[in-house]
Amino acid sequence: MKNYFIEIETKLGKKLKFEKIDIVDNSQKHKRHKFFSKDRYHLHLKINSSYLKSMSRLSAQRLIMNILKEDLNTKIHALEISID
């Protein structure tokens, strides 16, 4: 799992500038949900980025979602994004 988070950080780092990033796995909070799958993550992405802060919230989130598009189709079930 840690390797996968490093992979996400690397993908984002290649496409945008950020000062700090934290990836929190909230998958266990959803364990009893009907469609829970241990193979798909519920993540909270906390990004400190003056670059993203200069954009509208929608534009910044779209950029992140486009970068992680493949992962959202395969490994990430839910993604919460916080930009500071």
N, C-alpha and C. Protein backbone atom coordinates (compact mmCIF):
# COMPACT_ATOMS: atom_id res chain seq x y z
N MET A 1 0.82 -1.19 0.00
CA MET A 1 0.00 0.00 0.00
C MET A 1 0.87 1.26 0.00
N LYS A 2 1.91 1.28 0.82
CA LYS A 2 2.78 2.44 0.87
C LYS A 2 3.42 2.72 -0.49
N ASN A 3 3.79 1.66 -1.19
CA ASN A 3 4.36 1.82 -2.53
C ASN A 3 3.36 2.47 -3.48
N TYR A 4 2.10 2.11 -3.33
CA TYR A 4 1.07 2.69 -4.19
C TYR A 4 0.91 4.18 -3.90
N PHE A 5 0.99 4.57 -2.65
CA PHE A 5 0.89 5.99 -2.30
C PHE A 5 2.07 6.78 -2.86
N ILE A 6 3.24 6.17 -2.85
CA ILE A 6 4.42 6.80 -3.46
C ILE A 6 4.21 6.96 -4.96
N GLU A 7 3.60 5.96 -5.58
CA GLU A 7 3.28 6.02 -7.01
C GLU A 7 2.32 7.19 -7.31
N ILE A 8 1.32 7.37 -6.47
CA ILE A 8 0.38 8.48 -6.65
C ILE A 8 1.11 9.81 -6.51
N GLU A 9 1.93 9.93 -5.47
CA GLU A 9 2.69 11.16 -5.25
C GLU A 9 3.60 11.47 -6.44
N THR A 10 4.23 10.45 -6.99
CA THR A 10 5.11 10.62 -8.15
C THR A 10 4.33 11.08 -9.37
N LYS A 11 3.18 10.46 -9.63
CA LYS A 11 2.34 10.87 -10.77
C LYS A 11 1.94 12.33 -10.65
N LEU A 12 1.50 12.73 -9.47
CA LEU A 12 1.08 14.11 -9.27
C LEU A 12 2.27 15.07 -9.38
N GLY A 13 3.42 14.66 -8.84
CA GLY A 13 4.62 15.50 -8.88
C GLY A 13 5.14 15.77 -10.28
N LYS A 14 4.89 14.85 -11.19
CA LYS A 14 5.32 15.03 -12.58
C LYS A 14 4.48 16.06 -13.32
N LYS A 15 3.24 16.27 -12.86
CA LYS A 15 2.30 17.12 -13.60
C LYS A 15 1.99 18.45 -12.91
N LEU A 16 2.25 18.54 -11.60
CA LEU A 16 1.93 19.79 -10.91
C LEU A 16 2.92 20.04 -9.77
N LYS A 17 2.93 21.29 -9.30
CA LYS A 17 3.85 21.68 -8.23
C LYS A 17 3.10 21.71 -6.91
N PHE A 18 3.72 21.11 -5.89
CA PHE A 18 3.15 21.17 -4.55
C PHE A 18 4.28 21.20 -3.54
N GLU A 19 3.99 21.80 -2.39
CA GLU A 19 4.98 21.88 -1.33
C GLU A 19 4.94 20.63 -0.45
N LYS A 20 3.74 20.12 -0.24
CA LYS A 20 3.57 18.95 0.62
C LYS A 20 2.33 18.18 0.19
N ILE A 21 2.39 16.88 0.38
CA ILE A 21 1.23 16.04 0.08
C ILE A 21 1.10 14.95 1.14
N ASP A 22 -0.11 14.72 1.59
CA ASP A 22 -0.41 13.63 2.51
C ASP A 22 -1.54 12.81 1.89
N ILE A 23 -1.37 11.51 1.91
CA ILE A 23 -2.40 10.62 1.39
C ILE A 23 -2.88 9.76 2.55
N VAL A 24 -4.16 9.89 2.87
CA VAL A 24 -4.75 9.16 4.00
C VAL A 24 -5.68 8.08 3.45
N ASP A 25 -5.47 6.87 3.90
CA ASP A 25 -6.32 5.74 3.48
C ASP A 25 -7.49 5.61 4.45
N ASN A 26 -8.68 5.93 3.98
CA ASN A 26 -9.90 5.82 4.79
C ASN A 26 -10.72 4.58 4.45
N SER A 27 -10.12 3.63 3.78
CA SER A 27 -10.84 2.44 3.31
C SER A 27 -11.52 1.68 4.44
N GLN A 28 -10.86 1.55 5.57
CA GLN A 28 -11.42 0.78 6.68
C GLN A 28 -12.71 1.38 7.24
N LYS A 29 -12.87 2.68 7.07
CA LYS A 29 -14.10 3.34 7.53
C LYS A 29 -15.32 2.89 6.72
N HIS A 30 -15.07 2.32 5.55
CA HIS A 30 -16.14 1.91 4.64
C HIS A 30 -16.28 0.39 4.55
N LYS A 31 -15.62 -0.30 5.44
CA LYS A 31 -15.55 -1.76 5.40
C LYS A 31 -16.92 -2.44 5.39
N ARG A 32 -17.89 -1.88 6.07
CA ARG A 32 -19.21 -2.52 6.16
C ARG A 32 -20.18 -2.06 5.09
N HIS A 33 -19.72 -1.21 4.19
CA HIS A 33 -20.60 -0.75 3.11
C HIS A 33 -20.87 -1.90 2.14
N LYS A 34 -22.01 -1.85 1.51
CA LYS A 34 -22.46 -2.93 0.63
C LYS A 34 -21.46 -3.24 -0.49
N PHE A 35 -20.92 -2.21 -1.12
CA PHE A 35 -20.03 -2.44 -2.27
C PHE A 35 -18.56 -2.29 -1.92
N PHE A 36 -18.20 -2.49 -0.66
CA PHE A 36 -16.81 -2.39 -0.23
C PHE A 36 -15.96 -3.45 -0.93
N SER A 37 -14.79 -3.04 -1.39
CA SER A 37 -13.84 -3.97 -1.99
C SER A 37 -12.46 -3.66 -1.42
N LYS A 38 -11.79 -4.66 -0.90
CA LYS A 38 -10.46 -4.44 -0.32
C LYS A 38 -9.43 -4.08 -1.38
N ASP A 39 -9.77 -4.27 -2.63
CA ASP A 39 -8.85 -3.96 -3.73
C ASP A 39 -8.97 -2.52 -4.23
N ARG A 40 -9.92 -1.76 -3.69
CA ARG A 40 -10.12 -0.37 -4.12
C ARG A 40 -10.08 0.53 -2.90
N TYR A 41 -9.41 1.65 -3.06
CA TYR A 41 -9.15 2.54 -1.93
C TYR A 41 -10.15 3.69 -1.82
N HIS A 42 -10.37 4.11 -0.58
CA HIS A 42 -11.07 5.36 -0.26
C HIS A 42 -9.97 6.27 0.28
N LEU A 43 -9.58 7.26 -0.49
CA LEU A 43 -8.44 8.10 -0.12
C LEU A 43 -8.83 9.54 0.14
N HIS A 44 -8.07 10.17 1.03
CA HIS A 44 -8.17 11.60 1.26
C HIS A 44 -6.80 12.17 0.89
N LEU A 45 -6.79 12.99 -0.12
CA LEU A 45 -5.57 13.60 -0.64
C LEU A 45 -5.49 15.02 -0.09
N LYS A 46 -4.47 15.29 0.72
CA LYS A 46 -4.27 16.62 1.31
C LYS A 46 -3.04 17.22 0.65
N ILE A 47 -3.25 18.29 -0.12
CA ILE A 47 -2.16 18.88 -0.88
C ILE A 47 -1.96 20.33 -0.47
N ASN A 48 -0.73 20.66 -0.14
CA ASN A 48 -0.36 22.05 0.11
C ASN A 48 0.33 22.53 -1.15
N SER A 49 -0.33 23.42 -1.89
CA SER A 49 0.20 23.85 -3.19
C SER A 49 -0.27 25.26 -3.53
N SER A 50 0.68 26.17 -3.62
CA SER A 50 0.33 27.54 -4.03
C SER A 50 -0.11 27.53 -5.50
N TYR A 51 0.44 26.60 -6.27
CA TYR A 51 0.06 26.46 -7.68
C TYR A 51 -1.43 26.13 -7.80
N LEU A 52 -1.88 25.13 -7.06
CA LEU A 52 -3.29 24.73 -7.11
C LEU A 52 -4.19 25.78 -6.46
N LYS A 53 -3.69 26.45 -5.42
CA LYS A 53 -4.47 27.49 -4.75
C LYS A 53 -4.75 28.67 -5.68
N SER A 54 -3.88 28.87 -6.67
CA SER A 54 -4.07 29.99 -7.61
C SER A 54 -5.19 29.70 -8.61
N MET A 55 -5.63 28.45 -8.68
CA MET A 55 -6.70 28.04 -9.59
C MET A 55 -8.04 28.06 -8.86
N SER A 56 -9.10 27.99 -9.62
CA SER A 56 -10.40 27.78 -8.99
C SER A 56 -10.40 26.37 -8.42
N ARG A 57 -11.21 26.16 -7.40
CA ARG A 57 -11.27 24.84 -6.77
C ARG A 57 -11.64 23.77 -7.79
N LEU A 58 -12.59 24.06 -8.65
CA LEU A 58 -13.03 23.11 -9.66
C LEU A 58 -11.91 22.77 -10.63
N SER A 59 -11.18 23.77 -11.09
CA SER A 59 -10.07 23.54 -12.03
C SER A 59 -8.97 22.70 -11.39
N ALA A 60 -8.65 23.00 -10.13
CA ALA A 60 -7.61 22.25 -9.43
C ALA A 60 -8.03 20.79 -9.25
N GLN A 61 -9.28 20.56 -8.87
CA GLN A 61 -9.74 19.19 -8.68
C GLN A 61 -9.82 18.44 -10.00
N ARG A 62 -10.22 19.12 -11.05
CA ARG A 62 -10.25 18.47 -12.38
C ARG A 62 -8.85 18.06 -12.81
N LEU A 63 -7.87 18.91 -12.56
CA LEU A 63 -6.49 18.60 -12.92
C LEU A 63 -6.03 17.34 -12.18
N ILE A 64 -6.28 17.28 -10.89
CA ILE A 64 -5.89 16.11 -10.10
C ILE A 64 -6.62 14.87 -10.59
N MET A 65 -7.91 14.99 -10.84
CA MET A 65 -8.70 13.84 -11.31
C MET A 65 -8.20 13.35 -12.68
N ASN A 66 -7.82 14.26 -13.55
CA ASN A 66 -7.28 13.86 -14.86
C ASN A 66 -5.95 13.14 -14.72
N ILE A 67 -5.11 13.61 -13.81
CA ILE A 67 -3.82 12.95 -13.59
C ILE A 67 -4.02 11.53 -13.05
N LEU A 68 -5.01 11.36 -12.20
CA LEU A 68 -5.27 10.06 -11.57
C LEU A 68 -6.39 9.28 -12.25
N LYS A 69 -6.73 9.66 -13.46
CA LYS A 69 -7.86 9.06 -14.18
C LYS A 69 -7.81 7.53 -14.23
N GLU A 70 -6.68 7.00 -14.62
CA GLU A 70 -6.54 5.54 -14.72
C GLU A 70 -6.72 4.87 -13.35
N ASP A 71 -6.14 5.47 -12.32
CA ASP A 71 -6.26 4.93 -10.97
C ASP A 71 -7.70 4.98 -10.48
N LEU A 72 -8.41 6.03 -10.83
CA LEU A 72 -9.81 6.16 -10.42
C LEU A 72 -10.68 5.08 -11.07
N ASN A 73 -10.25 4.58 -12.20
CA ASN A 73 -10.99 3.51 -12.88
C ASN A 73 -10.61 2.12 -12.38
N THR A 74 -9.46 2.02 -11.71
CA THR A 74 -8.98 0.69 -11.33
C THR A 74 -8.76 0.49 -9.83
N LYS A 75 -8.11 1.44 -9.17
CA LYS A 75 -7.68 1.23 -7.78
C LYS A 75 -8.32 2.14 -6.75
N ILE A 76 -8.82 3.28 -7.18
CA ILE A 76 -9.40 4.25 -6.24
C ILE A 76 -10.91 4.27 -6.40
N HIS A 77 -11.62 3.94 -5.33
CA HIS A 77 -13.08 3.96 -5.36
C HIS A 77 -13.61 5.36 -5.04
N ALA A 78 -12.98 6.02 -4.07
CA ALA A 78 -13.42 7.36 -3.66
C ALA A 78 -12.20 8.22 -3.37
N LEU A 79 -12.27 9.49 -3.78
CA LEU A 79 -11.15 10.40 -3.58
C LEU A 79 -11.67 11.73 -3.05
N GLU A 80 -11.25 12.06 -1.84
CA GLU A 80 -11.55 13.36 -1.24
C GLU A 80 -10.29 14.21 -1.41
N ILE A 81 -10.45 15.44 -1.87
CA ILE A 81 -9.30 16.30 -2.14
C ILE A 81 -9.40 17.56 -1.29
N SER A 82 -8.33 17.85 -0.53
CA SER A 82 -8.23 19.09 0.24
C SER A 82 -7.00 19.83 -0.25
N ILE A 83 -7.18 21.09 -0.60
CA ILE A 83 -6.07 21.90 -1.10
C ILE A 83 -5.86 23.08 -0.17
N ASP A 84 -4.64 23.19 0.35
CA ASP A 84 -4.28 24.32 1.22
C ASP A 84 -3.16 25.11 0.61
